[in-house]
Amino acid sequence: MKTFVMRVVLALAVVHAGAEAACVQNKNPSRSTQMSKEYIRDNNFRVIGSIDTLADGRQRAYDANFRSVGTYDCRADRTYDANFRTVGNGNQLVGLIWEAAGK
């Protein structure tokens, strides 16, 4: 259990660091069309979701069936669910993916 918690904390830290870098890096989004994808895996290394970083720095999370589960806006530092209701401050996309996976 302790290993599982440490993995989740590490995954959240990596996603948050990536979001901060993307927000700082893409101050002028008109010049950048870069988009990246990060896969989130469970303890058995099965893909349970993914996070796309858009050119403007926002991030969008999808479950394993490619349904949108939430969006993170780095400028506002807020996470929104699939219905654009505020989930909370900071990047909580990994938590939304785990919740959608039923873990």
Protein backbone atom coordinates (compact mmCIF):
# COMPACT_ATOMS: atom_id res chain seq x y z
CA MET A 1 0.00 0.00 0.00
CA LYS A 2 2.81 2.38 0.87
CA THR A 3 4.46 1.73 -2.53
CA PHE A 4 1.16 2.47 -4.28
CA VAL A 5 0.76 5.79 -2.47
CA MET A 6 4.34 6.75 -3.28
CA ARG A 7 3.75 5.99 -6.99
CA VAL A 8 0.64 8.16 -7.06
CA VAL A 9 2.44 11.02 -5.32
CA LEU A 10 5.35 10.73 -7.74
CA ALA A 11 3.00 10.68 -10.74
CA LEU A 12 1.24 13.80 -9.45
CA ALA A 13 4.57 15.56 -8.96
CA VAL A 14 5.73 14.69 -12.49
CA VAL A 15 2.46 15.85 -14.06
CA HIS A 16 2.51 19.07 -12.04
CA ALA A 17 6.12 19.80 -13.04
CA GLY A 18 5.25 19.15 -16.69
CA ALA A 19 2.26 21.47 -16.46
CA GLU A 20 4.32 24.26 -14.93
CA ALA A 21 6.95 23.89 -17.65
CA ALA A 22 4.30 23.88 -20.39
CA CYS A 23 2.60 26.98 -19.00
CA VAL A 24 5.87 28.89 -18.73
CA GLN A 25 7.19 27.59 -22.04
CA ASN A 26 4.11 28.48 -24.10
CA LYS A 27 3.70 32.15 -23.28
CA ASN A 28 3.27 32.86 -27.02
CA PRO A 29 1.01 30.01 -28.22
CA SER A 30 0.67 31.38 -31.77
CA ARG A 31 4.23 30.27 -32.55
CA SER A 32 3.95 26.81 -31.04
CA THR A 33 1.89 23.90 -32.32
CA GLN A 34 3.57 21.41 -30.00
CA MET A 35 1.31 18.90 -28.30
CA SER A 36 2.41 16.02 -26.11
CA LYS A 37 0.71 12.96 -24.64
CA GLU A 38 1.47 11.23 -21.36
CA TYR A 39 -0.01 7.82 -20.53
CA ILE A 40 -1.10 7.00 -16.98
CA ARG A 41 -0.72 3.33 -16.00
CA ASP A 42 -1.91 1.28 -13.05
CA ASN A 43 0.19 -1.11 -10.93
CA ASN A 44 -0.12 -3.80 -13.62
CA PHE A 45 1.16 -1.36 -16.28
CA ARG A 46 -2.22 -1.18 -18.04
CA VAL A 47 -3.08 2.20 -19.51
CA ILE A 48 -5.94 3.71 -17.50
CA GLY A 49 -5.83 7.11 -19.17
CA SER A 50 -3.78 9.80 -20.83
CA ILE A 51 -3.05 13.50 -20.51
CA ASP A 52 -2.64 15.69 -23.58
CA THR A 53 -0.76 18.97 -23.25
CA LEU A 54 -2.19 21.45 -25.73
CA ALA A 55 -0.19 24.15 -27.49
CA ASP A 56 -1.47 26.89 -25.16
CA GLY A 57 -0.34 25.00 -22.04
CA ARG A 58 -3.72 23.62 -21.01
CA GLN A 59 -3.93 19.91 -20.33
CA ARG A 60 -6.82 17.57 -21.07
CA ALA A 61 -7.25 14.15 -19.42
CA TYR A 62 -8.89 11.11 -21.01
CA ASP A 63 -9.86 7.74 -19.56
CA ALA A 64 -8.89 4.40 -21.13
CA ASN A 65 -11.84 4.69 -23.55
CA PHE A 66 -10.69 8.15 -24.73
CA ARG A 67 -13.56 9.99 -23.02
CA SER A 68 -12.61 13.38 -21.61
CA VAL A 69 -12.57 13.37 -17.80
CA GLY A 70 -11.18 16.85 -17.15
CA THR A 71 -9.08 19.85 -18.09
CA TYR A 72 -6.33 21.74 -16.27
CA ASP A 73 -5.80 25.43 -17.02
CA CYS A 74 -2.28 26.41 -15.94
CA ARG A 75 -2.97 30.15 -16.15
CA ALA A 76 -5.85 29.90 -13.67
CA ASP A 77 -4.16 26.97 -11.84
CA ARG A 78 -7.53 25.17 -11.72
CA THR A 79 -8.77 21.74 -12.70
CA TYR A 80 -12.22 21.30 -14.25
CA ASP A 81 -14.16 18.06 -14.74
CA ALA A 82 -15.75 16.90 -18.02
CA ASN A 83 -18.74 19.22 -17.40
CA PHE A 84 -16.40 22.20 -16.76
CA ARG A 85 -17.20 22.35 -13.06
CA THR A 86 -14.27 23.33 -10.86
CA VAL A 87 -12.68 20.31 -9.17
CA GLY A 88 -10.05 22.27 -7.30
CA ASN A 89 -6.89 24.32 -7.44
CA GLY A 90 -3.76 22.85 -8.96
CA ASN A 91 -3.41 19.98 -11.41
CA GLN A 92 -5.66 17.11 -10.28
CA LEU A 93 -5.99 15.33 -13.63
CA VAL A 94 -4.29 12.13 -12.45
CA GLY A 95 -6.84 11.89 -9.65
CA LEU A 96 -9.70 12.30 -12.13
CA ILE A 97 -8.24 9.54 -14.30
CA TRP A 98 -7.91 7.18 -11.31
CA GLU A 99 -11.48 8.02 -10.27
CA ALA A 100 -12.77 7.29 -13.80
CA ALA A 101 -10.90 3.99 -13.77
CA GLY A 102 -12.61 3.03 -10.52
CA LYS A 103 -9.35 2.52 -8.67
